[in-house]
Protein backbone atom coordinates (compact mmCIF):
# COMPACT_ATOMS: atom_id res chain seq x y z
CA UNK A 1 131.21 122.64 66.82
CA UNK A 2 131.01 118.86 66.79
CA UNK A 3 133.58 116.72 68.55
CA UNK A 4 136.29 115.48 66.16
CA UNK A 5 136.70 111.78 65.42
CA UNK A 6 139.81 110.31 63.80
CA UNK A 7 138.81 107.68 61.22
CA UNK A 8 141.23 104.85 60.54
CA UNK A 9 142.27 103.91 57.02
CA UNK A 10 140.50 100.55 56.98
CA UNK A 11 137.06 102.13 57.34
CA UNK A 12 137.69 104.63 54.54
CA UNK A 13 138.87 101.83 52.23
CA UNK A 14 135.66 99.91 52.94
CA UNK A 15 133.62 103.11 52.49
CA UNK A 16 135.22 103.63 49.08
CA UNK A 17 134.21 100.08 48.19
CA UNK A 18 130.59 100.77 49.32
CA UNK A 19 130.72 98.16 52.10
CA UNK A 20 127.55 98.47 54.16
CA UNK A 21 129.13 98.62 57.64
CA UNK A 22 131.48 101.42 56.60
CA UNK A 23 128.84 103.41 54.70
CA UNK A 24 126.43 103.22 57.65
CA UNK A 25 129.15 104.05 60.17
CA UNK A 26 130.39 107.07 58.19
CA UNK A 27 126.80 108.30 57.89
CA UNK A 28 126.36 108.13 61.67
CA UNK A 29 129.74 109.80 62.23
CA UNK A 30 128.87 112.64 59.84
CA UNK A 31 125.73 113.39 61.85
CA UNK A 32 127.51 113.46 65.20
CA UNK A 33 131.19 114.36 64.76
CA UNK A 34 133.69 116.40 62.80
CA UNK A 35 135.40 113.86 60.54
CA UNK A 36 139.20 113.95 60.68
CA UNK A 37 142.03 111.73 59.50
CA UNK A 38 145.72 111.53 60.17
CA UNK A 39 147.99 112.48 57.30
CA UNK A 40 149.20 108.87 57.65
CA UNK A 41 145.72 107.68 56.60
CA UNK A 42 145.70 110.05 53.63
CA UNK A 43 149.09 108.73 52.53
CA UNK A 44 147.97 105.11 53.00
CA UNK A 45 144.98 105.76 50.76
CA UNK A 46 147.23 107.19 48.04
CA UNK A 47 149.51 104.16 48.37
CA UNK A 48 146.68 101.99 47.03
CA UNK A 49 146.31 104.10 43.87
CA UNK A 50 147.27 102.47 40.59
CA UNK A 51 145.83 105.06 38.18
CA UNK A 52 144.76 108.67 37.83
CA UNK A 53 141.17 107.44 38.32
CA UNK A 54 142.17 105.90 41.67
CA UNK A 55 143.85 109.16 42.71
CA UNK A 56 140.70 111.09 41.83
CA UNK A 57 138.60 108.71 43.95
CA UNK A 58 140.90 109.24 46.94
CA UNK A 59 140.86 113.00 46.48
CA UNK A 60 137.05 112.96 46.36
CA UNK A 61 136.91 110.74 49.45
CA UNK A 62 139.14 112.93 51.61
CA UNK A 63 138.05 116.33 50.27
CA UNK A 64 135.59 116.94 53.12
CA UNK A 65 137.80 115.53 55.88
CA UNK A 66 140.10 117.57 58.09
CA UNK A 67 143.64 116.21 57.79
CA UNK A 68 145.72 116.27 60.98
CA UNK A 69 149.45 116.53 60.34
CA UNK A 70 152.18 114.96 62.45
CA UNK A 71 153.56 117.25 65.14
CA UNK A 72 156.49 116.81 67.49
CA UNK A 73 154.13 115.75 70.31
CA UNK A 74 152.37 113.19 68.08
CA UNK A 75 155.75 111.78 67.02
CA UNK A 76 157.00 111.58 70.60
CA UNK A 77 153.86 109.79 71.81
CA UNK A 78 153.95 107.36 68.88
CA UNK A 79 157.60 106.61 69.64
CA UNK A 80 156.77 105.86 73.29
CA UNK A 81 153.83 103.64 72.29
CA UNK A 82 156.03 101.78 69.80
CA UNK A 83 158.67 101.11 72.47
CA UNK A 84 156.06 100.02 75.00
CA UNK A 85 153.88 97.79 72.80
CA UNK A 86 156.00 96.49 69.90
CA UNK A 87 157.09 93.27 71.59
CA UNK A 88 153.83 92.58 73.46
CA UNK A 89 151.31 93.54 70.75
CA UNK A 90 153.32 93.71 67.50
CA UNK A 91 152.22 97.30 66.83
CA UNK A 92 153.04 99.00 63.54
CA UNK A 93 154.46 102.48 62.98
CA UNK A 94 151.45 103.78 61.05
CA UNK A 95 148.97 102.60 63.69
CA UNK A 96 150.92 104.26 66.50
CA UNK A 97 151.08 107.54 64.58
CA UNK A 98 147.32 107.45 63.88
CA UNK A 99 146.46 106.60 67.49
CA UNK A 100 148.81 109.31 68.75
CA UNK A 101 147.11 111.82 66.46
CA UNK A 102 143.80 111.10 68.22
CA UNK A 103 145.31 111.10 71.72
CA UNK A 104 147.28 114.32 71.26
CA UNK A 105 144.24 116.07 69.79
CA UNK A 106 141.99 114.81 72.62
CA UNK A 107 139.88 113.25 69.89
CA UNK A 108 138.06 109.96 69.75
CA UNK A 109 139.00 107.36 67.16
CA UNK A 110 137.26 104.64 65.20
CA UNK A 111 138.85 101.64 63.52
CA UNK A 112 137.67 98.39 62.01
CA UNK A 113 140.77 96.76 63.53
CA UNK A 114 139.89 97.15 67.20
CA UNK A 115 142.68 94.78 68.27
CA UNK A 116 145.30 97.19 66.88
CA UNK A 117 144.23 99.90 69.32
CA UNK A 118 142.08 98.71 72.24
CA UNK A 119 145.02 98.31 74.65
CA UNK A 120 146.43 101.83 74.15
CA UNK A 121 146.12 103.97 77.30
CA UNK A 122 144.47 107.33 76.80
CA UNK A 123 142.86 106.38 73.47
CA UNK A 124 139.08 106.86 73.33
CA UNK A 125 138.14 104.16 70.80
CA UNK A 126 134.62 103.81 69.41
CA UNK A 127 133.35 100.31 68.74
CA UNK A 128 132.98 99.35 65.07
CA UNK A 129 130.69 99.05 63.25
CA UNK A 130 128.35 101.79 64.43
CA UNK A 131 124.61 101.40 64.13
CA UNK A 132 124.31 97.84 65.39
CA UNK A 133 122.05 97.19 68.34
């Protein structure tokens, strides 16, 4: 079985908009990893929906992805990260929950917003976009 990778919301939004970096990166990820998302990402995608058509697009987008739900250990780690990095890095709740999902699952993560995550200890963060050089 392929190693899981947690995909951040920003990449899936760009993928849904057919942005080249995201489409190419997702293609590479599909070949090499099991694609997973945090339930936070799934909820963020639904937040952007303004119509039934939008909801259908999100459902189609996430249908093949494994959704990781928030556990007690993910919540506890996210809470510790929030306390540690809120004042120094201005971290957000959703980002800490997504990062903690990857850390607690011993999974790697990929995000377009590298600066939101690159300082987090224990997080194995892939560079974005994939496929360059």
